[in-house]
Amino acid sequence: MGMNKNTILGWATLIMVLMGLLLIGLGAFRYDDVAGWGFAAVGLGFFANAWVFNSLKGRV
């Protein structure tokens, strides 16, 4: 089973979405102070990067 560029971008998108959900969850449920806002913001950044990776599938 060879992994081409689209497969790698698909896996990267999935991993980044999972990490984004994890970071937003940490910000929402674990940290009640200002650090929670930072975790949630970084989680949204992971979502933005996953969106870019997903849009690159088939174009690279």
N, C-alpha and C. Protein backbone atom coordinates (compact mmCIF):
# COMPACT_ATOMS: atom_id res chain seq x y z
N MET A 1 0.84 -1.18 0.00
CA MET A 1 0.00 0.00 0.00
C MET A 1 0.88 1.24 0.00
N GLY A 2 0.91 1.92 -1.10
CA GLY A 2 1.69 3.15 -1.17
C GLY A 2 0.86 4.35 -0.77
N MET A 3 1.51 5.25 -0.07
CA MET A 3 0.81 6.46 0.33
C MET A 3 1.20 7.58 -0.61
N ASN A 4 0.23 8.09 -1.35
CA ASN A 4 0.52 9.22 -2.22
C ASN A 4 0.27 10.53 -1.46
N LYS A 5 0.41 11.63 -2.16
CA LYS A 5 0.31 12.94 -1.50
C LYS A 5 -1.09 13.19 -0.93
N ASN A 6 -2.11 12.75 -1.64
CA ASN A 6 -3.47 12.97 -1.15
C ASN A 6 -3.76 12.17 0.11
N THR A 7 -3.23 10.95 0.20
CA THR A 7 -3.42 10.14 1.40
C THR A 7 -2.72 10.79 2.59
N ILE A 8 -1.52 11.28 2.38
CA ILE A 8 -0.78 11.93 3.46
C ILE A 8 -1.51 13.19 3.92
N LEU A 9 -2.02 13.99 2.97
CA LEU A 9 -2.78 15.18 3.36
C LEU A 9 -4.06 14.81 4.10
N GLY A 10 -4.68 13.72 3.72
CA GLY A 10 -5.88 13.27 4.42
C GLY A 10 -5.58 12.87 5.86
N TRP A 11 -4.50 12.12 6.06
CA TRP A 11 -4.11 11.74 7.42
C TRP A 11 -3.71 12.97 8.25
N ALA A 12 -2.99 13.90 7.63
CA ALA A 12 -2.61 15.12 8.34
C ALA A 12 -3.83 15.93 8.74
N THR A 13 -4.82 15.98 7.86
CA THR A 13 -6.06 16.69 8.19
C THR A 13 -6.76 16.03 9.37
N LEU A 14 -6.86 14.71 9.35
CA LEU A 14 -7.51 14.01 10.45
C LEU A 14 -6.79 14.23 11.77
N ILE A 15 -5.47 14.13 11.76
CA ILE A 15 -4.69 14.31 12.99
C ILE A 15 -4.85 15.73 13.50
N MET A 16 -4.85 16.72 12.61
CA MET A 16 -4.97 18.11 13.05
C MET A 16 -6.37 18.40 13.60
N VAL A 17 -7.40 17.79 13.02
CA VAL A 17 -8.75 17.98 13.56
C VAL A 17 -8.84 17.37 14.96
N LEU A 18 -8.27 16.18 15.14
CA LEU A 18 -8.30 15.55 16.46
C LEU A 18 -7.53 16.38 17.49
N MET A 19 -6.37 16.90 17.10
CA MET A 19 -5.60 17.74 18.03
C MET A 19 -6.34 19.05 18.34
N GLY A 20 -7.01 19.61 17.33
CA GLY A 20 -7.80 20.82 17.57
C GLY A 20 -8.91 20.57 18.56
N LEU A 21 -9.61 19.43 18.40
CA LEU A 21 -10.66 19.09 19.35
C LEU A 21 -10.11 18.87 20.76
N LEU A 22 -8.96 18.22 20.83
CA LEU A 22 -8.33 18.00 22.14
C LEU A 22 -7.96 19.32 22.81
N LEU A 23 -7.38 20.24 22.06
CA LEU A 23 -6.97 21.51 22.65
C LEU A 23 -8.17 22.36 23.04
N ILE A 24 -9.21 22.36 22.24
CA ILE A 24 -10.42 23.11 22.61
C ILE A 24 -11.06 22.48 23.84
N GLY A 25 -11.06 21.15 23.90
CA GLY A 25 -11.58 20.48 25.08
C GLY A 25 -10.78 20.80 26.33
N LEU A 26 -9.45 20.84 26.20
CA LEU A 26 -8.63 21.23 27.35
C LEU A 26 -8.94 22.65 27.79
N GLY A 27 -9.08 23.55 26.82
CA GLY A 27 -9.38 24.94 27.16
C GLY A 27 -10.74 25.10 27.81
N ALA A 28 -11.70 24.30 27.38
CA ALA A 28 -13.05 24.45 27.91
C ALA A 28 -13.25 23.76 29.25
N PHE A 29 -12.65 22.59 29.43
CA PHE A 29 -12.98 21.78 30.61
C PHE A 29 -11.87 21.68 31.64
N ARG A 30 -10.62 21.89 31.25
CA ARG A 30 -9.53 21.68 32.20
C ARG A 30 -9.06 22.99 32.84
N TYR A 31 -8.92 24.03 32.02
CA TYR A 31 -8.37 25.28 32.52
C TYR A 31 -9.48 26.33 32.58
N ASP A 32 -9.68 26.88 33.76
CA ASP A 32 -10.75 27.85 33.97
C ASP A 32 -10.26 29.30 33.90
N ASP A 33 -8.96 29.50 33.83
CA ASP A 33 -8.43 30.86 33.83
C ASP A 33 -8.08 31.28 32.40
N VAL A 34 -7.20 32.23 32.29
CA VAL A 34 -6.86 32.80 30.99
C VAL A 34 -6.19 31.77 30.08
N ALA A 35 -5.52 30.77 30.65
CA ALA A 35 -4.85 29.74 29.84
C ALA A 35 -5.85 28.97 28.99
N GLY A 36 -7.08 28.83 29.45
CA GLY A 36 -8.10 28.14 28.67
C GLY A 36 -8.38 28.85 27.35
N TRP A 37 -8.37 30.17 27.38
CA TRP A 37 -8.58 30.93 26.13
C TRP A 37 -7.44 30.67 25.15
N GLY A 38 -6.23 30.55 25.66
CA GLY A 38 -5.08 30.27 24.80
C GLY A 38 -5.18 28.89 24.16
N PHE A 39 -5.56 27.89 24.96
CA PHE A 39 -5.72 26.55 24.42
C PHE A 39 -6.80 26.52 23.35
N ALA A 40 -7.91 27.21 23.60
CA ALA A 40 -9.00 27.23 22.62
C ALA A 40 -8.57 27.94 21.34
N ALA A 41 -7.81 29.02 21.47
CA ALA A 41 -7.34 29.75 20.29
C ALA A 41 -6.39 28.89 19.46
N VAL A 42 -5.50 28.17 20.11
CA VAL A 42 -4.59 27.29 19.38
C VAL A 42 -5.37 26.15 18.72
N GLY A 43 -6.40 25.65 19.39
CA GLY A 43 -7.24 24.62 18.80
C GLY A 43 -7.94 25.12 17.54
N LEU A 44 -8.40 26.36 17.55
CA LEU A 44 -9.00 26.94 16.35
C LEU A 44 -7.96 27.11 15.25
N GLY A 45 -6.73 27.41 15.62
CA GLY A 45 -5.65 27.48 14.63
C GLY A 45 -5.39 26.13 13.98
N PHE A 46 -5.48 25.07 14.77
CA PHE A 46 -5.33 23.73 14.20
C PHE A 46 -6.45 23.44 13.21
N PHE A 47 -7.67 23.88 13.54
CA PHE A 47 -8.78 23.71 12.60
C PHE A 47 -8.52 24.46 11.30
N ALA A 48 -7.98 25.67 11.40
CA ALA A 48 -7.69 26.45 10.19
C ALA A 48 -6.65 25.76 9.32
N ASN A 49 -5.60 25.22 9.96
CA ASN A 49 -4.58 24.50 9.20
C ASN A 49 -5.14 23.22 8.59
N ALA A 50 -6.01 22.52 9.31
CA ALA A 50 -6.63 21.31 8.76
C ALA A 50 -7.50 21.66 7.55
N TRP A 51 -8.17 22.80 7.60
CA TRP A 51 -8.99 23.23 6.48
C TRP A 51 -8.12 23.48 5.24
N VAL A 52 -6.97 24.11 5.45
CA VAL A 52 -6.04 24.35 4.34
C VAL A 52 -5.52 23.03 3.78
N PHE A 53 -5.14 22.09 4.65
CA PHE A 53 -4.66 20.79 4.17
C PHE A 53 -5.74 20.07 3.38
N ASN A 54 -6.97 20.14 3.86
CA ASN A 54 -8.07 19.48 3.17
C ASN A 54 -8.31 20.12 1.80
N SER A 55 -8.17 21.42 1.70
CA SER A 55 -8.40 22.08 0.40
C SER A 55 -7.26 21.80 -0.57
N LEU A 56 -6.08 21.42 -0.08
CA LEU A 56 -4.96 21.12 -0.95
C LEU A 56 -5.03 19.72 -1.56
N LYS A 57 -5.90 18.85 -1.02
CA LYS A 57 -6.00 17.50 -1.56
C LYS A 57 -6.42 17.56 -3.01
N GLY A 58 -5.72 16.88 -3.88
CA GLY A 58 -6.03 16.85 -5.29
C GLY A 58 -5.38 17.97 -6.09
N ARG A 59 -4.79 18.95 -5.42
CA ARG A 59 -4.18 20.08 -6.12
C ARG A 59 -2.65 20.03 -6.10
N VAL A 60 -2.11 19.27 -5.16
CA VAL A 60 -0.65 19.23 -5.03
C VAL A 60 -0.12 18.06 -5.81
